[in-house]
Amino acid sequence: MLEKLNLSGCTSTPENFHHLAQMLAVNNSLTSLDLTGTDLPEENLQQIAKSLTVNTSLQTLIMDANSLDEKEEGLQALLNAILIANTTLTELNISSESFSSETQKIISRLLSQNLCLSFSELDPDFEEGNRLSMINQKRKATFLSLVQE
């Protein structure tokens, strides 16, 4: 059984990312997925987001360096899937992303509603007010790692 999949730095075709999204929807063994720097097309980002709403095994998702802020609809779908619908994801890494102030506020709001994530790694440029509003007192353990480059 495949438990960890590291596609970091692998660019692929939209069709292959579509197959990845389909696999995520039905897979029950994958616990860690690294999509760092894969330059996912927005359509595929939305497909992966949809799959994450029904996925019951993924615990770690690494999505940094994907220019997510430029893919507004895909990013919104991904955030809603991860931070609202998905209940198994405990670790999210979206560092190396330059989010607009508005996107930071959305991420902060959604993180404050999420009860499952225990570790979130964000870019150090995240505005201080938004960073502080992400801490959710309902979690048993909350860690916020700010990447220093």
N, C-alpha and C. Protein backbone atom coordinates (compact mmCIF):
# COMPACT_ATOMS: atom_id res chain seq x y z
N MET A 1 0.84 -1.19 0.00
CA MET A 1 0.00 0.00 0.00
C MET A 1 0.88 1.25 0.00
N LEU A 2 0.51 2.19 -0.82
CA LEU A 2 1.22 3.45 -0.90
C LEU A 2 0.75 4.37 0.23
N GLU A 3 1.70 4.80 1.07
CA GLU A 3 1.35 5.68 2.19
C GLU A 3 1.85 7.10 1.99
N LYS A 4 2.98 7.26 1.31
CA LYS A 4 3.56 8.58 1.09
C LYS A 4 3.87 8.75 -0.39
N LEU A 5 3.50 9.91 -0.92
CA LEU A 5 3.76 10.21 -2.33
C LEU A 5 4.40 11.59 -2.41
N ASN A 6 5.64 11.63 -2.90
CA ASN A 6 6.37 12.88 -3.02
C ASN A 6 6.53 13.21 -4.50
N LEU A 7 5.77 14.20 -4.96
CA LEU A 7 5.85 14.66 -6.34
C LEU A 7 6.52 16.03 -6.42
N SER A 8 7.24 16.40 -5.37
CA SER A 8 7.88 17.70 -5.29
C SER A 8 8.74 17.97 -6.52
N GLY A 9 8.47 19.11 -7.16
CA GLY A 9 9.24 19.53 -8.31
C GLY A 9 8.88 18.84 -9.61
N CYS A 10 7.93 17.93 -9.56
CA CYS A 10 7.52 17.21 -10.78
C CYS A 10 6.39 17.97 -11.47
N THR A 11 6.68 18.47 -12.63
CA THR A 11 5.60 19.07 -13.41
C THR A 11 5.04 17.98 -14.31
N SER A 12 3.77 18.06 -14.59
CA SER A 12 3.12 17.02 -15.36
C SER A 12 2.02 17.62 -16.20
N THR A 13 1.29 16.77 -16.87
CA THR A 13 0.19 17.23 -17.71
C THR A 13 -1.07 17.38 -16.88
N PRO A 14 -1.99 18.23 -17.31
CA PRO A 14 -3.27 18.33 -16.61
C PRO A 14 -3.97 16.98 -16.50
N GLU A 15 -3.82 16.13 -17.51
CA GLU A 15 -4.45 14.80 -17.47
C GLU A 15 -3.89 13.95 -16.32
N ASN A 16 -2.58 14.00 -16.11
CA ASN A 16 -1.98 13.23 -15.01
C ASN A 16 -2.43 13.77 -13.66
N PHE A 17 -2.52 15.09 -13.52
CA PHE A 17 -3.00 15.66 -12.26
C PHE A 17 -4.48 15.30 -12.05
N HIS A 18 -5.23 15.20 -13.13
CA HIS A 18 -6.63 14.77 -13.04
C HIS A 18 -6.70 13.35 -12.47
N HIS A 19 -5.82 12.47 -12.94
CA HIS A 19 -5.78 11.09 -12.43
C HIS A 19 -5.38 11.07 -10.95
N LEU A 20 -4.46 11.96 -10.58
CA LEU A 20 -4.08 12.07 -9.17
C LEU A 20 -5.29 12.46 -8.33
N ALA A 21 -6.06 13.41 -8.80
CA ALA A 21 -7.26 13.84 -8.08
C ALA A 21 -8.25 12.69 -7.95
N GLN A 22 -8.44 11.93 -9.01
CA GLN A 22 -9.35 10.78 -8.95
C GLN A 22 -8.87 9.76 -7.93
N MET A 23 -7.57 9.52 -7.90
CA MET A 23 -7.00 8.58 -6.94
C MET A 23 -7.22 9.05 -5.51
N LEU A 24 -7.04 10.33 -5.27
CA LEU A 24 -7.23 10.87 -3.92
C LEU A 24 -8.65 10.66 -3.41
N ALA A 25 -9.61 10.70 -4.31
CA ALA A 25 -11.01 10.55 -3.91
C ALA A 25 -11.33 9.15 -3.39
N VAL A 26 -10.60 8.15 -3.84
CA VAL A 26 -10.93 6.77 -3.46
C VAL A 26 -9.84 6.09 -2.64
N ASN A 27 -8.66 6.67 -2.58
CA ASN A 27 -7.55 6.05 -1.87
C ASN A 27 -7.77 6.10 -0.37
N ASN A 28 -7.47 4.99 0.31
CA ASN A 28 -7.63 4.98 1.76
C ASN A 28 -6.33 4.60 2.48
N SER A 29 -5.20 4.68 1.77
CA SER A 29 -3.93 4.36 2.43
C SER A 29 -2.94 5.52 2.41
N LEU A 30 -3.07 6.44 1.47
CA LEU A 30 -2.12 7.56 1.36
C LEU A 30 -2.29 8.51 2.54
N THR A 31 -1.21 8.72 3.29
CA THR A 31 -1.28 9.61 4.45
C THR A 31 -0.50 10.91 4.24
N SER A 32 0.40 10.94 3.26
CA SER A 32 1.22 12.13 3.04
C SER A 32 1.38 12.39 1.55
N LEU A 33 1.14 13.64 1.15
CA LEU A 33 1.26 14.03 -0.25
C LEU A 33 2.04 15.34 -0.34
N ASP A 34 3.13 15.32 -1.10
CA ASP A 34 3.95 16.51 -1.30
C ASP A 34 3.83 16.95 -2.75
N LEU A 35 3.20 18.10 -2.95
CA LEU A 35 3.02 18.67 -4.29
C LEU A 35 3.80 19.98 -4.44
N THR A 36 4.88 20.12 -3.70
CA THR A 36 5.71 21.32 -3.75
C THR A 36 6.21 21.59 -5.16
N GLY A 37 5.99 22.81 -5.62
CA GLY A 37 6.55 23.25 -6.89
C GLY A 37 6.09 22.47 -8.11
N THR A 38 4.89 21.92 -8.07
CA THR A 38 4.39 21.15 -9.21
C THR A 38 3.66 22.03 -10.22
N ASP A 39 3.45 23.29 -9.87
CA ASP A 39 2.78 24.23 -10.76
C ASP A 39 1.44 23.69 -11.27
N LEU A 40 0.64 23.24 -10.33
CA LEU A 40 -0.68 22.69 -10.66
C LEU A 40 -1.53 23.70 -11.41
N PRO A 41 -2.12 23.31 -12.52
CA PRO A 41 -3.09 24.19 -13.19
C PRO A 41 -4.31 24.38 -12.28
N GLU A 42 -4.96 25.53 -12.40
CA GLU A 42 -6.09 25.83 -11.51
C GLU A 42 -7.19 24.77 -11.58
N GLU A 43 -7.49 24.28 -12.76
CA GLU A 43 -8.53 23.26 -12.90
C GLU A 43 -8.18 22.01 -12.09
N ASN A 44 -6.92 21.60 -12.12
CA ASN A 44 -6.50 20.44 -11.35
C ASN A 44 -6.50 20.72 -9.86
N LEU A 45 -6.17 21.94 -9.49
CA LEU A 45 -6.23 22.33 -8.08
C LEU A 45 -7.66 22.18 -7.57
N GLN A 46 -8.63 22.59 -8.37
CA GLN A 46 -10.04 22.44 -7.99
C GLN A 46 -10.42 20.96 -7.90
N GLN A 47 -9.92 20.14 -8.81
CA GLN A 47 -10.22 18.71 -8.78
C GLN A 47 -9.64 18.05 -7.52
N ILE A 48 -8.42 18.42 -7.19
CA ILE A 48 -7.79 17.88 -5.98
C ILE A 48 -8.56 18.33 -4.75
N ALA A 49 -8.98 19.59 -4.75
CA ALA A 49 -9.78 20.10 -3.63
C ALA A 49 -11.06 19.29 -3.46
N LYS A 50 -11.73 19.02 -4.56
CA LYS A 50 -12.97 18.23 -4.49
C LYS A 50 -12.69 16.83 -3.93
N SER A 51 -11.60 16.23 -4.35
CA SER A 51 -11.23 14.90 -3.85
C SER A 51 -10.94 14.93 -2.35
N LEU A 52 -10.33 16.01 -1.88
CA LEU A 52 -10.00 16.10 -0.46
C LEU A 52 -11.23 16.23 0.43
N THR A 53 -12.36 16.61 -0.15
CA THR A 53 -13.58 16.69 0.67
C THR A 53 -14.09 15.30 1.06
N VAL A 54 -13.70 14.27 0.30
CA VAL A 54 -14.15 12.91 0.61
C VAL A 54 -13.01 11.99 1.04
N ASN A 55 -11.77 12.44 0.92
CA ASN A 55 -10.63 11.61 1.30
C ASN A 55 -10.61 11.42 2.81
N THR A 56 -10.36 10.18 3.25
CA THR A 56 -10.39 9.89 4.68
C THR A 56 -9.06 9.39 5.23
N SER A 57 -7.99 9.52 4.45
CA SER A 57 -6.71 9.00 4.94
C SER A 57 -5.59 10.04 4.97
N LEU A 58 -5.64 11.04 4.11
CA LEU A 58 -4.53 11.99 4.00
C LEU A 58 -4.40 12.81 5.28
N GLN A 59 -3.19 12.81 5.85
CA GLN A 59 -2.93 13.56 7.08
C GLN A 59 -1.99 14.74 6.85
N THR A 60 -1.13 14.64 5.85
CA THR A 60 -0.15 15.69 5.58
C THR A 60 -0.24 16.11 4.12
N LEU A 61 -0.36 17.42 3.90
CA LEU A 61 -0.38 17.96 2.55
C LEU A 61 0.61 19.11 2.47
N ILE A 62 1.57 18.99 1.56
CA ILE A 62 2.58 20.02 1.36
C ILE A 62 2.34 20.60 -0.03
N MET A 63 2.02 21.89 -0.06
CA MET A 63 1.63 22.55 -1.31
C MET A 63 2.42 23.84 -1.55
N ASP A 64 3.59 24.00 -0.94
CA ASP A 64 4.27 25.28 -1.09
C ASP A 64 4.89 25.44 -2.48
N ALA A 65 5.17 26.69 -2.82
CA ALA A 65 5.79 27.08 -4.09
C ALA A 65 4.96 26.65 -5.30
N ASN A 66 3.67 26.94 -5.26
CA ASN A 66 2.77 26.63 -6.38
C ASN A 66 2.02 27.84 -6.91
N SER A 67 2.42 29.04 -6.52
CA SER A 67 1.74 30.27 -6.96
C SER A 67 0.23 30.17 -6.74
N LEU A 68 -0.14 29.72 -5.55
CA LEU A 68 -1.55 29.49 -5.24
C LEU A 68 -2.39 30.76 -5.28
N ASP A 69 -1.80 31.89 -4.90
CA ASP A 69 -2.58 33.13 -4.84
C ASP A 69 -3.02 33.58 -6.23
N GLU A 70 -2.34 33.12 -7.27
CA GLU A 70 -2.72 33.47 -8.64
C GLU A 70 -3.88 32.63 -9.15
N LYS A 71 -4.24 31.60 -8.40
CA LYS A 71 -5.30 30.67 -8.81
C LYS A 71 -6.46 30.81 -7.83
N GLU A 72 -7.14 31.95 -7.90
CA GLU A 72 -8.11 32.34 -6.89
C GLU A 72 -9.20 31.31 -6.63
N GLU A 73 -9.87 30.84 -7.68
CA GLU A 73 -10.96 29.88 -7.49
C GLU A 73 -10.44 28.54 -6.99
N GLY A 74 -9.32 28.10 -7.53
CA GLY A 74 -8.73 26.85 -7.08
C GLY A 74 -8.27 26.92 -5.64
N LEU A 75 -7.67 28.05 -5.27
CA LEU A 75 -7.22 28.24 -3.90
C LEU A 75 -8.40 28.24 -2.94
N GLN A 76 -9.47 28.95 -3.30
CA GLN A 76 -10.66 28.99 -2.44
C GLN A 76 -11.24 27.59 -2.27
N ALA A 77 -11.32 26.83 -3.36
CA ALA A 77 -11.83 25.46 -3.29
C ALA A 77 -10.94 24.59 -2.41
N LEU A 78 -9.61 24.75 -2.57
CA LEU A 78 -8.67 23.98 -1.77
C LEU A 78 -8.80 24.31 -0.29
N LEU A 79 -8.86 25.59 0.03
CA LEU A 79 -8.97 25.99 1.43
C LEU A 79 -10.26 25.50 2.05
N ASN A 80 -11.36 25.62 1.32
CA ASN A 80 -12.63 25.11 1.85
C ASN A 80 -12.57 23.60 2.07
N ALA A 81 -11.97 22.89 1.13
CA ALA A 81 -11.87 21.43 1.26
C ALA A 81 -11.02 21.04 2.46
N ILE A 82 -9.87 21.67 2.57
CA ILE A 82 -8.92 21.31 3.63
C ILE A 82 -9.39 21.77 5.00
N LEU A 83 -9.84 23.00 5.06
CA LEU A 83 -10.09 23.61 6.36
C LEU A 83 -11.53 23.48 6.84
N ILE A 84 -12.44 23.08 5.98
CA ILE A 84 -13.83 22.94 6.41
C ILE A 84 -14.31 21.50 6.25
N ALA A 85 -14.18 20.93 5.05
CA ALA A 85 -14.77 19.62 4.78
C ALA A 85 -13.91 18.45 5.25
N ASN A 86 -12.60 18.52 5.07
CA ASN A 86 -11.73 17.40 5.40
C ASN A 86 -11.51 17.33 6.91
N THR A 87 -11.61 16.12 7.46
CA THR A 87 -11.45 15.96 8.91
C THR A 87 -10.24 15.12 9.29
N THR A 88 -9.45 14.68 8.32
CA THR A 88 -8.30 13.84 8.64
C THR A 88 -6.97 14.57 8.50
N LEU A 89 -6.93 15.66 7.76
CA LEU A 89 -5.68 16.39 7.54
C LEU A 89 -5.25 17.07 8.84
N THR A 90 -4.04 16.77 9.28
CA THR A 90 -3.53 17.37 10.51
C THR A 90 -2.34 18.28 10.27
N GLU A 91 -1.75 18.21 9.08
CA GLU A 91 -0.58 19.04 8.78
C GLU A 91 -0.71 19.64 7.39
N LEU A 92 -0.55 20.95 7.32
CA LEU A 92 -0.64 21.69 6.06
C LEU A 92 0.56 22.60 5.92
N ASN A 93 1.24 22.52 4.78
CA ASN A 93 2.37 23.40 4.52
C ASN A 93 2.09 24.16 3.24
N ILE A 94 1.86 25.46 3.38
CA ILE A 94 1.68 26.34 2.23
C ILE A 94 2.66 27.51 2.33
N SER A 95 3.87 27.19 2.77
CA SER A 95 4.91 28.22 2.84
C SER A 95 5.42 28.50 1.43
N SER A 96 6.26 29.46 1.31
CA SER A 96 6.80 29.90 0.01
C SER A 96 5.70 30.35 -0.93
N GLU A 97 4.63 30.86 -0.38
CA GLU A 97 3.53 31.43 -1.16
C GLU A 97 3.39 32.89 -0.75
N SER A 98 3.20 33.76 -1.70
CA SER A 98 3.01 35.18 -1.41
C SER A 98 1.52 35.48 -1.52
N PHE A 99 0.83 35.38 -0.41
CA PHE A 99 -0.61 35.61 -0.40
C PHE A 99 -0.92 37.09 -0.22
N SER A 100 -1.95 37.55 -0.91
CA SER A 100 -2.41 38.92 -0.72
C SER A 100 -2.99 39.05 0.69
N SER A 101 -3.13 40.27 1.14
CA SER A 101 -3.70 40.51 2.46
C SER A 101 -5.10 39.92 2.57
N GLU A 102 -5.89 40.03 1.51
CA GLU A 102 -7.25 39.48 1.51
C GLU A 102 -7.23 37.96 1.63
N THR A 103 -6.34 37.32 0.91
CA THR A 103 -6.22 35.86 0.99
C THR A 103 -5.75 35.44 2.37
N GLN A 104 -4.83 36.21 2.95
CA GLN A 104 -4.38 35.91 4.31
C GLN A 104 -5.54 35.94 5.29
N LYS A 105 -6.43 36.91 5.12
CA LYS A 105 -7.60 37.00 6.01
C LYS A 105 -8.51 35.79 5.85
N ILE A 106 -8.69 35.34 4.61
CA ILE A 106 -9.53 34.16 4.36
C ILE A 106 -8.90 32.93 5.01
N ILE A 107 -7.59 32.76 4.82
CA ILE A 107 -6.90 31.62 5.42
C ILE A 107 -7.01 31.68 6.94
N SER A 108 -6.81 32.85 7.50
CA SER A 108 -6.91 33.01 8.95
C SER A 108 -8.29 32.64 9.46
N ARG A 109 -9.31 33.12 8.76
CA ARG A 109 -10.70 32.83 9.17
C ARG A 109 -10.98 31.33 9.10
N LEU A 110 -10.58 30.70 8.01
CA LEU A 110 -10.83 29.27 7.86
C LEU A 110 -10.03 28.45 8.85
N LEU A 111 -8.77 28.84 9.10
CA LEU A 111 -7.97 28.12 10.09
C LEU A 111 -8.57 28.23 11.48
N SER A 112 -9.17 29.36 11.77
CA SER A 112 -9.76 29.51 13.10
C SER A 112 -10.99 28.63 13.28
N GLN A 113 -11.61 28.20 12.18
CA GLN A 113 -12.78 27.32 12.25
C GLN A 113 -12.39 25.85 12.22
N ASN A 114 -11.16 25.55 11.83
CA ASN A 114 -10.72 24.17 11.67
C ASN A 114 -10.31 23.58 13.00
N LEU A 115 -10.79 22.38 13.29
CA LEU A 115 -10.47 21.73 14.56
C LEU A 115 -9.49 20.57 14.39
N CYS A 116 -9.10 20.27 13.18
CA CYS A 116 -8.27 19.09 12.93
C CYS A 116 -6.79 19.40 12.76
N LEU A 117 -6.46 20.49 12.09
CA LEU A 117 -5.05 20.80 11.85
C LEU A 117 -4.34 21.07 13.16
N SER A 118 -3.21 20.42 13.34
CA SER A 118 -2.41 20.70 14.53
C SER A 118 -1.10 21.36 14.16
N PHE A 119 -0.81 21.42 12.87
CA PHE A 119 0.44 22.05 12.43
C PHE A 119 0.18 22.74 11.10
N SER A 120 0.45 24.03 11.05
CA SER A 120 0.30 24.80 9.82
C SER A 120 1.60 25.54 9.58
N GLU A 121 2.15 25.39 8.40
CA GLU A 121 3.38 26.10 8.08
C GLU A 121 3.07 27.13 7.01
N LEU A 122 3.32 28.38 7.36
CA LEU A 122 2.98 29.50 6.48
C LEU A 122 4.21 30.35 6.22
N ASP A 123 4.11 31.18 5.24
CA ASP A 123 5.21 32.07 4.88
C ASP A 123 5.45 33.10 5.99
N PRO A 124 6.70 33.47 6.26
CA PRO A 124 6.98 34.45 7.31
C PRO A 124 6.43 35.84 7.01
N ASP A 125 6.06 36.10 5.76
CA ASP A 125 5.51 37.40 5.41
C ASP A 125 4.03 37.52 5.73
N PHE A 126 3.44 36.46 6.26
CA PHE A 126 2.04 36.52 6.68
C PHE A 126 1.92 37.66 7.68
N GLU A 127 0.98 38.56 7.47
CA GLU A 127 0.85 39.73 8.33
C GLU A 127 0.59 39.31 9.78
N GLU A 128 1.19 40.03 10.70
CA GLU A 128 1.14 39.67 12.11
C GLU A 128 -0.29 39.49 12.62
N GLY A 129 -1.18 40.39 12.30
CA GLY A 129 -2.56 40.27 12.77
C GLY A 129 -3.23 39.02 12.25
N ASN A 130 -2.98 38.67 11.01
CA ASN A 130 -3.55 37.46 10.44
C ASN A 130 -2.92 36.22 11.06
N ARG A 131 -1.63 36.29 11.33
CA ARG A 131 -0.93 35.16 11.94
C ARG A 131 -1.53 34.85 13.32
N LEU A 132 -1.72 35.88 14.08
CA LEU A 132 -2.23 35.69 15.44
C LEU A 132 -3.67 35.21 15.46
N SER A 133 -4.46 35.61 14.48
CA SER A 133 -5.86 35.19 14.49
C SER A 133 -6.03 33.73 14.10
N MET A 134 -4.97 33.08 13.64
CA MET A 134 -5.08 31.69 13.22
C MET A 134 -5.04 30.72 14.39
N ILE A 135 -4.57 31.12 15.51
CA ILE A 135 -4.45 30.19 16.63
C ILE A 135 -5.84 29.85 17.14
N ASN A 136 -6.13 28.58 17.14
CA ASN A 136 -7.45 28.11 17.53
C ASN A 136 -7.34 27.46 18.91
N GLN A 137 -7.98 28.05 19.88
CA GLN A 137 -7.88 27.56 21.25
C GLN A 137 -8.55 26.21 21.46
N LYS A 138 -9.37 25.77 20.53
CA LYS A 138 -10.08 24.50 20.70
C LYS A 138 -9.19 23.30 20.38
N ARG A 139 -8.07 23.52 19.75
CA ARG A 139 -7.18 22.41 19.41
C ARG A 139 -6.40 21.96 20.62
N LYS A 140 -6.11 20.67 20.67
CA LYS A 140 -5.29 20.14 21.76
C LYS A 140 -3.85 20.64 21.64
N ALA A 141 -3.35 20.66 20.42
CA ALA A 141 -1.98 21.14 20.19
C ALA A 141 -1.98 22.01 18.96
N THR A 142 -1.43 23.18 19.09
CA THR A 142 -1.37 24.09 17.96
C THR A 142 0.06 24.54 17.76
N PHE A 143 0.56 24.35 16.56
CA PHE A 143 1.91 24.78 16.22
C PHE A 143 1.82 25.65 14.99
N LEU A 144 2.55 26.70 15.00
CA LEU A 144 2.64 27.56 13.82
C LEU A 144 4.11 27.78 13.53
N SER A 145 4.59 27.23 12.46
CA SER A 145 5.99 27.37 12.10
C SER A 145 6.12 28.41 11.01
N LEU A 146 6.94 29.39 11.25
CA LEU A 146 7.19 30.43 10.25
C LEU A 146 8.55 30.16 9.63
N VAL A 147 8.55 29.88 8.36
CA VAL A 147 9.76 29.52 7.66
C VAL A 147 10.67 30.73 7.52
N GLN A 148 11.91 30.59 7.89
CA GLN A 148 12.90 31.65 7.73
C GLN A 148 13.76 31.30 6.54
N GLU A 149 13.84 32.19 5.57
CA GLU A 149 14.63 31.93 4.36
C GLU A 149 15.92 32.70 4.43
